[in-house]
Structures are given as C-alpha cells and as structure tokens.
Amino acid sequence: MKINVGTPDRVLRVVIGAVLIGLAATETIGWWGYIGVVPLATGLFRFCPAYGLLGMNTCPMKER
C-alpha cells in the first residue's frame, strides 16, 4: 500500500471517524454511525483505496 493521505486529510479523517463512532456508541445517532470506522482506518493507515482508484493523492512528495 502506497501512502496517499496527507497530514491535514489524515487528521480530519481520524477526528470525523472518532466522532461518528463516539456518537453511535452513546446512541446519540443510529447504528449507521459506526461507518466512522472507515475514515478512522484510512486516516490511521494513511491509505485510501478510493484515492487509489481515482488517482488522487493528498500526500506531499517528502512524506511518500
């Protein structure tokens, strides 16, 4: 897996994923909030399969 998620994108994904999971765990939103696992995982692993398919990359050259 080639790194294709840059630092600002990574932080945003981790925060959004954690918030969604937290809201789902406290039953503030429905079970669909556990979809937050996807942005959380892509942020932690710094790889987004959708970016790979679309040829996108938010990671600067020095971080690759």
PDB file of N, CA and C in Angstrom:
ATOM      1  N   MET A   1       0.840  -1.176   0.000  1.00  0.00           N
ATOM      2  CA  MET A   1       0.000   0.000   0.000  1.00  0.00           C
ATOM      3  C   MET A   1       0.885   1.240   0.000  1.00  0.00           C
ATOM      4  N   LYS A   2       0.645   2.097  -0.941  1.00  0.00           N
ATOM      5  CA  LYS A   2       1.398   3.339  -1.056  1.00  0.00           C
ATOM      6  C   LYS A   2       0.651   4.439  -0.301  1.00  0.00           C
ATOM      7  N   ILE A   3       1.356   5.236   0.476  1.00  0.00           N
ATOM      8  CA  ILE A   3       0.740   6.319   1.243  1.00  0.00           C
ATOM      9  C   ILE A   3       0.148   7.337   0.270  1.00  0.00           C
ATOM     10  N   ASN A   4      -1.151   7.636   0.441  1.00  0.00           N
ATOM     11  CA  ASN A   4      -1.775   8.629  -0.425  1.00  0.00           C
ATOM     12  C   ASN A   4      -2.674   9.592   0.348  1.00  0.00           C
ATOM     13  N   VAL A   5      -2.557   9.608   1.678  1.00  0.00           N
ATOM     14  CA  VAL A   5      -3.341  10.514   2.515  1.00  0.00           C
ATOM     15  C   VAL A   5      -2.366  11.412   3.269  1.00  0.00           C
ATOM     16  N   GLY A   6      -2.445  12.719   3.019  1.00  0.00           N
ATOM     17  CA  GLY A   6      -1.566  13.683   3.660  1.00  0.00           C
ATOM     18  C   GLY A   6      -1.992  13.998   5.087  1.00  0.00           C
ATOM     19  N   THR A   7      -1.180  14.754   5.797  1.00  0.00           N
ATOM     20  CA  THR A   7      -1.404  15.043   7.210  1.00  0.00           C
ATOM     21  C   THR A   7      -2.715  15.777   7.491  1.00  0.00           C
ATOM     22  N   PRO A   8      -3.053  16.873   6.811  1.00  0.00           N
ATOM     23  CA  PRO A   8      -4.332  17.534   7.122  1.00  0.00           C
ATOM     24  C   PRO A   8      -5.530  16.621   6.850  1.00  0.00           C
ATOM     25  N   ASP A   9      -5.473  15.904   5.750  1.00  0.00           N
ATOM     26  CA  ASP A   9      -6.531  14.962   5.388  1.00  0.00           C
ATOM     27  C   ASP A   9      -6.621  13.855   6.440  1.00  0.00           C
ATOM     28  N   ARG A  10      -5.480  13.392   6.891  1.00  0.00           N
ATOM     29  CA  ARG A  10      -5.409  12.321   7.882  1.00  0.00           C
ATOM     30  C   ARG A  10      -6.050  12.747   9.201  1.00  0.00           C
ATOM     31  N   VAL A  11      -5.701  13.923   9.675  1.00  0.00           N
ATOM     32  CA  VAL A  11      -6.252  14.424  10.945  1.00  0.00           C
ATOM     33  C   VAL A  11      -7.764  14.563  10.843  1.00  0.00           C
ATOM     34  N   LEU A  12      -8.240  15.117   9.744  1.00  0.00           N
ATOM     35  CA  LEU A  12      -9.677  15.287   9.549  1.00  0.00           C
ATOM     36  C   LEU A  12     -10.404  13.942   9.538  1.00  0.00           C
ATOM     37  N   ARG A  13      -9.840  12.963   8.865  1.00  0.00           N
ATOM     38  CA  ARG A  13     -10.453  11.634   8.812  1.00  0.00           C
ATOM     39  C   ARG A  13     -10.519  10.983  10.199  1.00  0.00           C
ATOM     40  N   VAL A  14      -9.439  11.083  10.962  1.00  0.00           N
ATOM     41  CA  VAL A  14      -9.407  10.469  12.291  1.00  0.00           C
ATOM     42  C   VAL A  14     -10.428  11.143  13.208  1.00  0.00           C
ATOM     43  N   VAL A  15     -10.504  12.461  13.173  1.00  0.00           N
ATOM     44  CA  VAL A  15     -11.451  13.190  14.027  1.00  0.00           C
ATOM     45  C   VAL A  15     -12.892  12.847  13.654  1.00  0.00           C
ATOM     46  N   ILE A  16     -13.219  12.896  12.374  1.00  0.00           N
ATOM     47  CA  ILE A  16     -14.581  12.589  11.931  1.00  0.00           C
ATOM     48  C   ILE A  16     -14.952  11.152  12.282  1.00  0.00           C
ATOM     49  N   GLY A  17     -14.041  10.226  12.035  1.00  0.00           N
ATOM     50  CA  GLY A  17     -14.309   8.825  12.360  1.00  0.00           C
ATOM     51  C   GLY A  17     -14.535   8.614  13.842  1.00  0.00           C
ATOM     52  N   ALA A  18     -13.699   9.221  14.682  1.00  0.00           N
ATOM     53  CA  ALA A  18     -13.839   9.068  16.135  1.00  0.00           C
ATOM     54  C   ALA A  18     -15.142   9.689  16.632  1.00  0.00           C
ATOM     55  N   VAL A  19     -15.508  10.835  16.089  1.00  0.00           N
ATOM     56  CA  VAL A  19     -16.760  11.487  16.493  1.00  0.00           C
ATOM     57  C   VAL A  19     -17.953  10.621  16.115  1.00  0.00           C
ATOM     58  N   LEU A  20     -17.978  10.104  14.898  1.00  0.00           N
ATOM     59  CA  LEU A  20     -19.090   9.250  14.472  1.00  0.00           C
ATOM     60  C   LEU A  20     -19.207   7.994  15.336  1.00  0.00           C
ATOM     61  N   ILE A  21     -18.084   7.369  15.622  1.00  0.00           N
ATOM     62  CA  ILE A  21     -18.108   6.163  16.459  1.00  0.00           C
ATOM     63  C   ILE A  21     -18.567   6.505  17.864  1.00  0.00           C
ATOM     64  N   GLY A  22     -18.072   7.614  18.410  1.00  0.00           N
ATOM     65  CA  GLY A  22     -18.494   8.037  19.745  1.00  0.00           C
ATOM     66  C   GLY A  22     -19.982   8.331  19.815  1.00  0.00           C
ATOM     67  N   LEU A  23     -20.517   9.004  18.813  1.00  0.00           N
ATOM     68  CA  LEU A  23     -21.954   9.300  18.785  1.00  0.00           C
ATOM     69  C   LEU A  23     -22.789   8.029  18.651  1.00  0.00           C
ATOM     70  N   ALA A  24     -22.303   7.079  17.874  1.00  0.00           N
ATOM     71  CA  ALA A  24     -23.023   5.811  17.723  1.00  0.00           C
ATOM     72  C   ALA A  24     -22.962   5.002  19.015  1.00  0.00           C
ATOM     73  N   ALA A  25     -21.823   5.016  19.688  1.00  0.00           N
ATOM     74  CA  ALA A  25     -21.666   4.253  20.927  1.00  0.00           C
ATOM     75  C   ALA A  25     -22.551   4.802  22.049  1.00  0.00           C
ATOM     76  N   THR A  26     -22.773   6.116  22.053  1.00  0.00           N
ATOM     77  CA  THR A  26     -23.629   6.714  23.084  1.00  0.00           C
ATOM     78  C   THR A  26     -25.087   6.768  22.646  1.00  0.00           C
ATOM     79  N   GLU A  27     -25.387   6.174  21.506  1.00  0.00           N
ATOM     80  CA  GLU A  27     -26.732   6.102  20.944  1.00  0.00           C
ATOM     81  C   GLU A  27     -27.338   7.471  20.659  1.00  0.00           C
ATOM     82  N   THR A  28     -26.487   8.460  20.416  1.00  0.00           N
ATOM     83  CA  THR A  28     -26.950   9.784  20.017  1.00  0.00           C
ATOM     84  C   THR A  28     -27.445   9.735  18.576  1.00  0.00           C
ATOM     85  N   ILE A  29     -26.750   8.969  17.761  1.00  0.00           N
ATOM     86  CA  ILE A  29     -27.199   8.713  16.395  1.00  0.00           C
ATOM     87  C   ILE A  29     -27.377   7.202  16.262  1.00  0.00           C
ATOM     88  N   GLY A  30     -27.915   6.771  15.185  1.00  0.00           N
ATOM     89  CA  GLY A  30     -28.185   5.345  14.997  1.00  0.00           C
ATOM     90  C   GLY A  30     -26.931   4.514  14.774  1.00  0.00           C
ATOM     91  N   TRP A  31     -27.170   3.253  14.502  1.00  0.00           N
ATOM     92  CA  TRP A  31     -26.074   2.303  14.295  1.00  0.00           C
ATOM     93  C   TRP A  31     -25.228   2.659  13.089  1.00  0.00           C
ATOM     94  N   TRP A  32     -25.785   3.446  12.168  1.00  0.00           N
ATOM     95  CA  TRP A  32     -25.036   3.829  10.972  1.00  0.00           C
ATOM     96  C   TRP A  32     -23.790   4.643  11.311  1.00  0.00           C
ATOM     97  N   GLY A  33     -23.713   5.205  12.505  1.00  0.00           N
ATOM     98  CA  GLY A  33     -22.554   5.985  12.910  1.00  0.00           C
ATOM     99  C   GLY A  33     -21.273   5.171  12.964  1.00  0.00           C
ATOM    100  N   TYR A  34     -21.427   3.856  13.055  1.00  0.00           N
ATOM    101  CA  TYR A  34     -20.236   3.003  13.071  1.00  0.00           C
ATOM    102  C   TYR A  34     -19.521   2.982  11.723  1.00  0.00           C
ATOM    103  N   ILE A  35     -20.103   3.633  10.718  1.00  0.00           N
ATOM    104  CA  ILE A  35     -19.420   3.794   9.438  1.00  0.00           C
ATOM    105  C   ILE A  35     -18.163   4.649   9.636  1.00  0.00           C
ATOM    106  N   GLY A  36     -18.063   5.306  10.787  1.00  0.00           N
ATOM    107  CA  GLY A  36     -16.885   6.084  11.133  1.00  0.00           C
ATOM    108  C   GLY A  36     -15.618   5.254  11.187  1.00  0.00           C
ATOM    109  N   VAL A  37     -15.759   3.937  11.204  1.00  0.00           N
ATOM    110  CA  VAL A  37     -14.597   3.047  11.190  1.00  0.00           C
ATOM    111  C   VAL A  37     -13.813   3.236   9.887  1.00  0.00           C
ATOM    112  N   VAL A  38     -14.508   3.526   8.808  1.00  0.00           N
ATOM    113  CA  VAL A  38     -13.853   3.673   7.505  1.00  0.00           C
ATOM    114  C   VAL A  38     -12.915   4.884   7.475  1.00  0.00           C
ATOM    115  N   PRO A  39     -13.400   6.099   7.794  1.00  0.00           N
ATOM    116  CA  PRO A  39     -12.451   7.215   7.783  1.00  0.00           C
ATOM    117  C   PRO A  39     -11.370   7.083   8.855  1.00  0.00           C
ATOM    118  N   LEU A  40     -11.717   6.488   9.994  1.00  0.00           N
ATOM    119  CA  LEU A  40     -10.721   6.285  11.045  1.00  0.00           C
ATOM    120  C   LEU A  40      -9.602   5.368  10.551  1.00  0.00           C
ATOM    121  N   ALA A  41      -9.964   4.266   9.925  1.00  0.00           N
ATOM    122  CA  ALA A  41      -8.957   3.317   9.421  1.00  0.00           C
ATOM    123  C   ALA A  41      -8.114   3.925   8.308  1.00  0.00           C
ATOM    124  N   THR A  42      -8.752   4.644   7.378  1.00  0.00           N
ATOM    125  CA  THR A  42      -7.980   5.237   6.291  1.00  0.00           C
ATOM    126  C   THR A  42      -7.044   6.326   6.811  1.00  0.00           C
ATOM    127  N   GLY A  43      -7.447   7.011   7.863  1.00  0.00           N
ATOM    128  CA  GLY A  43      -6.573   8.013   8.465  1.00  0.00           C
ATOM    129  C   GLY A  43      -5.405   7.388   9.197  1.00  0.00           C
ATOM    130  N   LEU A  44      -5.656   6.310   9.905  1.00  0.00           N
ATOM    131  CA  LEU A  44      -4.592   5.650  10.663  1.00  0.00           C
ATOM    132  C   LEU A  44      -3.594   4.942   9.757  1.00  0.00           C
ATOM    133  N   PHE A  45      -4.078   4.312   8.688  1.00  0.00           N
ATOM    134  CA  PHE A  45      -3.195   3.583   7.783  1.00  0.00           C
ATOM    135  C   PHE A  45      -2.608   4.468   6.681  1.00  0.00           C
ATOM    136  N   ARG A  46      -3.111   5.712   6.565  1.00  0.00           N
ATOM    137  CA  ARG A  46      -2.646   6.676   5.574  1.00  0.00           C
ATOM    138  C   ARG A  46      -2.807   6.188   4.136  1.00  0.00           C
ATOM    139  N   PHE A  47      -3.784   5.335   3.929  1.00  0.00           N
ATOM    140  CA  PHE A  47      -4.062   4.814   2.596  1.00  0.00           C
ATOM    141  C   PHE A  47      -5.567   4.799   2.382  1.00  0.00           C
ATOM    142  N   CYS A  48      -6.007   5.380   1.267  1.00  0.00           N
ATOM    143  CA  CYS A  48      -7.424   5.394   0.919  1.00  0.00           C
ATOM    144  C   CYS A  48      -7.589   4.679  -0.427  1.00  0.00           C
ATOM    145  N   PRO A  49      -8.294   3.547  -0.435  1.00  0.00           N
ATOM    146  CA  PRO A  49      -8.484   2.816  -1.693  1.00  0.00           C
ATOM    147  C   PRO A  49      -9.206   3.649  -2.757  1.00  0.00           C
ATOM    148  N   ALA A  50     -10.141   4.495  -2.349  1.00  0.00           N
ATOM    149  CA  ALA A  50     -10.855   5.334  -3.315  1.00  0.00           C
ATOM    150  C   ALA A  50      -9.895   6.318  -3.986  1.00  0.00           C
ATOM    151  N   TYR A  51      -8.965   6.876  -3.219  1.00  0.00           N
ATOM    152  CA  TYR A  51      -7.969   7.772  -3.801  1.00  0.00           C
ATOM    153  C   TYR A  51      -7.135   7.022  -4.841  1.00  0.00           C
ATOM    154  N   GLY A  52      -6.789   5.786  -4.541  1.00  0.00           N
ATOM    155  CA  GLY A  52      -6.009   4.983  -5.474  1.00  0.00           C
ATOM    156  C   GLY A  52      -6.744   4.747  -6.781  1.00  0.00           C
ATOM    157  N   LEU A  53      -8.037   4.443  -6.682  1.00  0.00           N
ATOM    158  CA  LEU A  53      -8.838   4.204  -7.885  1.00  0.00           C
ATOM    159  C   LEU A  53      -9.011   5.474  -8.713  1.00  0.00           C
ATOM    160  N   LEU A  54      -9.115   6.609  -8.039  1.00  0.00           N
ATOM    161  CA  LEU A  54      -9.332   7.879  -8.729  1.00  0.00           C
ATOM    162  C   LEU A  54      -8.030   8.584  -9.110  1.00  0.00           C
ATOM    163  N   GLY A  55      -6.900   8.021  -8.682  1.00  0.00           N
ATOM    164  CA  GLY A  55      -5.606   8.618  -8.996  1.00  0.00           C
ATOM    165  C   GLY A  55      -5.310   9.872  -8.190  1.00  0.00           C
ATOM    166  N   MET A  56      -5.941  10.006  -7.043  1.00  0.00           N
ATOM    167  CA  MET A  56      -5.736  11.184  -6.197  1.00  0.00           C
ATOM    168  C   MET A  56      -4.648  10.915  -5.168  1.00  0.00           C
ATOM    169  N   ASN A  57      -4.067  12.004  -4.656  1.00  0.00           N
ATOM    170  CA  ASN A  57      -3.031  11.882  -3.638  1.00  0.00           C
ATOM    171  C   ASN A  57      -2.959  13.221  -2.913  1.00  0.00           C
ATOM    172  N   THR A  58      -3.125  13.219  -1.578  1.00  0.00           N
ATOM    173  CA  THR A  58      -3.035  14.461  -0.805  1.00  0.00           C
ATOM    174  C   THR A  58      -1.738  14.518  -0.005  1.00  0.00           C
ATOM    175  N   CYS A  59      -0.866  13.556  -0.225  1.00  0.00           N
ATOM    176  CA  CYS A  59       0.398  13.477   0.496  1.00  0.00           C
ATOM    177  C   CYS A  59       1.485  14.215  -0.273  1.00  0.00           C
ATOM    178  N   PRO A  60       2.178  15.178   0.385  1.00  0.00           N
ATOM    179  CA  PRO A  60       3.275  15.861  -0.303  1.00  0.00           C
ATOM    180  C   PRO A  60       4.408  14.891  -0.647  1.00  0.00           C
ATOM    181  N   MET A  61       5.228  15.240  -1.572  1.00  0.00           N
ATOM    182  CA  MET A  61       6.305  14.378  -2.048  1.00  0.00           C
ATOM    183  C   MET A  61       7.236  13.903  -0.934  1.00  0.00           C
ATOM    184  N   LYS A  62       7.587  14.748   0.023  1.00  0.00           N
ATOM    185  CA  LYS A  62       8.538  14.375   1.054  1.00  0.00           C
ATOM    186  C   LYS A  62       8.012  13.310   2.002  1.00  0.00           C
ATOM    187  N   GLU A  63       6.684  13.148   2.118  1.00  0.00           N
ATOM    188  CA  GLU A  63       6.107  12.168   3.025  1.00  0.00           C
ATOM    189  C   GLU A  63       5.887  10.807   2.385  1.00  0.00           C
ATOM    190  N   ARG A  64       5.997  10.698   1.077  1.00  0.00           N
ATOM    191  CA  ARG A  64       5.683   9.433   0.391  1.00  0.00           C
ATOM    192  C   ARG A  64       6.679   8.395   0.661  1.00  0.00           C
TER     193      ARG A  64
END
